[in-house]
Amino acid sequence: MSSTSILVLALAGLLLVAFSSTALADKCQPSGTLESPATGHTCDECCQPGHVYPTYQCSPPVSRHTKAIMTLNDFSKGGDGGDPSECDGKYHNNTERVVALSTGWYDKGKRCGEYIRINAKGRSVLAKVVDECDSLHGCDKPHAFQPPCPHNDVDASQAVWDALGIYGDEVGDFPITWSDA
């Protein structure tokens, strides 16, 4: 085999490895699991006793149209959000357009106080990032006994849902796109 052939094969191999690594880097896979205590708190949104939940350190890459699932969160004191918001240590009224992002998107607080643009049903709204929707921990009091968040979650206040015209039975797990504003 000539040195040119060997060089071509080596280059082809490097390209294959490089493109495979890039494709894998875009996939957010579970980083572990969290088992809920055998006995626990009982509520509609609470962890199921003994259930195993996936945990994530990552989220999908952010683009101009990042696909996500929007869920409803009550950021007020006594609401289902649990503790005060991570970014500012405060509770927020349901009339404020605020969100919590999955751990990977929250990026150790780098998006705190920043606005994101959420798109759904032909409408668009700006919302302020005030919290992390923890994708690594849950099923305990600081997390309102809820399971870890999915890796692609935008947990939004009622004001965000209202601004997008999403009401009634549509409220729950709603497909959206979002981007940094």
Protein backbone atom coordinates (compact mmCIF):
# COMPACT_ATOMS: atom_id res chain seq x y z
CA MET A 1 0.00 0.00 0.00
CA SER A 2 1.40 3.40 -0.95
CA SER A 3 1.97 6.20 1.53
CA THR A 4 -0.74 8.24 -0.26
CA SER A 5 -3.29 5.45 0.33
CA ILE A 6 -2.33 5.21 3.98
CA LEU A 7 -2.65 8.98 4.35
CA VAL A 8 -6.10 8.97 2.70
CA LEU A 9 -7.29 6.13 4.97
CA ALA A 10 -5.93 7.89 8.06
CA LEU A 11 -7.68 11.13 7.09
CA ALA A 12 -10.94 9.29 6.44
CA GLY A 13 -10.67 7.64 9.85
CA LEU A 14 -10.06 10.98 11.56
CA LEU A 15 -13.05 12.54 9.82
CA LEU A 16 -15.26 9.62 10.82
CA VAL A 17 -14.21 9.92 14.47
CA ALA A 18 -14.61 13.71 14.44
CA PHE A 19 -18.13 13.60 12.94
CA SER A 20 -19.18 10.74 15.23
CA SER A 21 -18.00 12.66 18.30
CA THR A 22 -19.85 15.80 17.17
CA ALA A 23 -23.06 13.85 16.61
CA LEU A 24 -22.77 12.20 20.03
CA ALA A 25 -22.03 15.54 21.74
CA ASP A 26 -25.42 16.86 20.57
CA LYS A 27 -27.26 14.01 22.32
CA CYS A 28 -28.07 14.53 25.98
CA GLN A 29 -28.14 11.15 27.69
CA PRO A 30 -29.04 10.41 31.33
CA SER A 31 -26.07 10.87 33.65
CA GLY A 32 -27.51 8.66 36.37
CA THR A 33 -30.64 7.76 38.28
CA LEU A 34 -32.37 8.80 41.47
CA GLU A 35 -34.49 6.34 43.43
CA SER A 36 -37.41 7.82 45.31
CA PRO A 37 -37.71 6.81 48.98
CA ALA A 38 -39.90 3.75 49.56
CA THR A 39 -42.32 5.90 51.53
CA GLY A 40 -42.83 9.50 50.68
CA HIS A 41 -44.88 12.60 50.43
CA THR A 42 -48.18 12.21 48.60
CA CYS A 43 -49.38 14.71 46.01
CA ASP A 44 -50.23 14.64 42.31
CA GLU A 45 -46.78 15.88 41.27
CA CYS A 46 -44.75 14.05 43.95
CA CYS A 47 -42.23 11.25 43.40
CA GLN A 48 -43.75 7.79 43.38
CA PRO A 49 -42.40 5.64 46.25
CA GLY A 50 -39.61 3.34 45.07
CA HIS A 51 -39.66 4.71 41.49
CA VAL A 52 -36.32 5.28 39.72
CA TYR A 53 -35.97 8.58 37.82
CA PRO A 54 -33.29 9.47 35.24
CA THR A 55 -31.03 12.41 36.06
CA TYR A 56 -29.30 14.74 33.59
CA GLN A 57 -26.29 17.06 33.75
CA CYS A 58 -26.89 18.22 30.18
CA SER A 59 -29.62 19.70 28.01
CA PRO A 60 -29.91 19.80 24.20
CA PRO A 61 -27.87 22.53 22.46
CA VAL A 62 -29.52 25.96 22.41
CA SER A 63 -30.42 27.34 18.97
CA ARG A 64 -32.82 29.92 17.56
CA HIS A 65 -35.57 27.29 17.84
CA THR A 66 -34.61 25.04 20.74
CA LYS A 67 -37.27 22.37 21.22
CA ALA A 68 -38.52 21.95 24.78
CA ILE A 69 -41.44 20.96 26.93
CA MET A 70 -43.04 23.75 28.93
CA THR A 71 -44.51 22.93 32.33
CA LEU A 72 -46.42 25.07 34.82
CA ASN A 73 -44.71 26.26 37.99
CA ASP A 74 -45.98 28.38 40.85
CA PHE A 75 -42.99 30.52 41.89
CA SER A 76 -44.88 32.17 44.79
CA LYS A 77 -44.29 31.42 48.49
CA GLY A 78 -46.10 28.17 49.30
CA GLY A 79 -46.32 27.30 45.59
CA ASP A 80 -45.20 24.05 44.00
CA GLY A 81 -41.81 25.55 43.17
CA GLY A 82 -40.57 24.83 46.69
CA ASP A 83 -37.81 27.13 47.87
CA PRO A 84 -37.17 30.70 46.68
CA SER A 85 -35.68 31.09 43.20
CA GLU A 86 -31.99 30.24 42.85
CA CYS A 87 -31.05 33.40 40.94
CA ASP A 88 -32.28 36.03 43.35
CA GLY A 89 -33.37 34.16 46.49
CA LYS A 90 -36.92 35.52 46.07
CA TYR A 91 -40.39 34.20 45.42
CA HIS A 92 -42.19 35.54 42.34
CA ASN A 93 -45.86 36.34 41.71
CA ASN A 94 -47.73 34.28 39.12
CA THR A 95 -48.33 37.54 37.22
CA GLU A 96 -44.59 37.79 36.46
CA ARG A 97 -43.27 36.19 33.26
CA VAL A 98 -40.57 34.03 34.80
CA VAL A 99 -39.09 30.59 34.10
CA ALA A 100 -36.83 27.91 35.51
CA LEU A 101 -34.61 26.04 33.05
CA SER A 102 -33.35 22.45 33.16
CA THR A 103 -29.91 22.06 34.76
CA GLY A 104 -27.95 22.03 31.47
CA TRP A 105 -29.66 25.15 30.11
CA TYR A 106 -29.48 26.90 33.50
CA ASP A 107 -25.72 26.41 33.14
CA LYS A 108 -24.73 26.99 36.79
CA GLY A 109 -26.66 30.27 36.86
CA LYS A 110 -25.14 31.83 33.73
CA ARG A 111 -28.65 32.59 32.41
CA CYS A 112 -29.85 34.15 35.70
CA GLY A 113 -31.65 37.42 35.07
CA GLU A 114 -31.46 36.93 31.31
CA TYR A 115 -34.53 36.78 29.10
CA ILE A 116 -35.52 33.98 26.78
CA ARG A 117 -38.05 34.10 23.95
CA ILE A 118 -40.67 31.34 24.09
CA ASN A 119 -42.73 30.45 21.00
CA ALA A 120 -45.95 28.42 20.92
CA LYS A 121 -49.26 28.50 19.08
CA GLY A 122 -48.05 31.26 16.75
CA ARG A 123 -47.28 33.57 19.66
CA SER A 124 -44.05 34.71 21.29
CA VAL A 125 -43.27 35.97 24.78
CA LEU A 126 -40.20 37.10 26.70
CA ALA A 127 -39.64 35.55 30.13
CA LYS A 128 -36.94 36.12 32.73
CA VAL A 129 -34.81 33.20 33.97
CA VAL A 130 -35.04 33.16 37.77
CA ASP A 131 -34.47 29.53 38.73
CA GLU A 132 -33.13 26.10 37.88
CA CYS A 133 -35.44 23.20 37.22
CA ASP A 134 -33.08 20.68 38.81
CA SER A 135 -32.44 17.71 36.52
CA LEU A 136 -30.08 16.01 39.00
CA HIS A 137 -31.93 16.03 42.32
CA GLY A 138 -35.48 15.71 43.62
CA CYS A 139 -37.92 13.70 45.74
CA ASP A 140 -37.05 15.77 48.82
CA LYS A 141 -38.35 18.86 50.63
CA PRO A 142 -36.09 21.42 48.85
CA HIS A 143 -37.53 20.13 45.54
CA ALA A 144 -41.14 20.09 46.80
CA PHE A 145 -40.99 16.24 46.73
CA GLN A 146 -41.07 16.35 42.92
CA PRO A 147 -38.91 14.17 40.65
CA PRO A 148 -35.87 15.58 38.86
CA CYS A 149 -36.84 17.72 35.87
CA PRO A 150 -36.42 16.36 32.35
CA HIS A 151 -33.35 17.57 30.44
CA ASN A 152 -35.51 19.70 28.09
CA ASP A 153 -37.82 21.51 30.50
CA VAL A 154 -38.87 25.16 30.63
CA ASP A 155 -40.85 25.51 33.85
CA ALA A 156 -42.99 28.63 33.35
CA SER A 157 -45.23 30.85 35.49
CA GLN A 158 -48.94 31.21 34.81
CA ALA A 159 -48.25 34.63 33.24
CA VAL A 160 -46.15 32.97 30.50
CA TRP A 161 -48.92 30.45 29.75
CA ASP A 162 -51.50 33.25 29.63
CA ALA A 163 -49.36 35.38 27.29
CA LEU A 164 -49.05 32.42 24.91
CA GLY A 165 -52.82 31.85 24.99
CA ILE A 166 -52.53 28.37 26.48
CA TYR A 167 -55.41 27.61 28.85
CA GLY A 168 -57.46 24.80 30.37
CA ASP A 169 -56.69 21.24 29.31
CA GLU A 170 -53.72 22.39 27.20
CA VAL A 171 -51.80 23.39 30.35
CA GLY A 172 -49.42 20.65 31.41
CA ASP A 173 -46.58 19.35 29.25
CA PHE A 174 -46.72 21.61 26.19
CA PRO A 175 -44.25 21.51 23.26
CA ILE A 176 -42.53 24.86 22.63
CA THR A 177 -39.42 26.34 21.10
CA TRP A 178 -37.25 28.91 22.81
CA SER A 179 -34.07 30.92 22.32
CA ASP A 180 -31.94 33.40 24.21
CA ALA A 181 -33.43 36.87 23.72
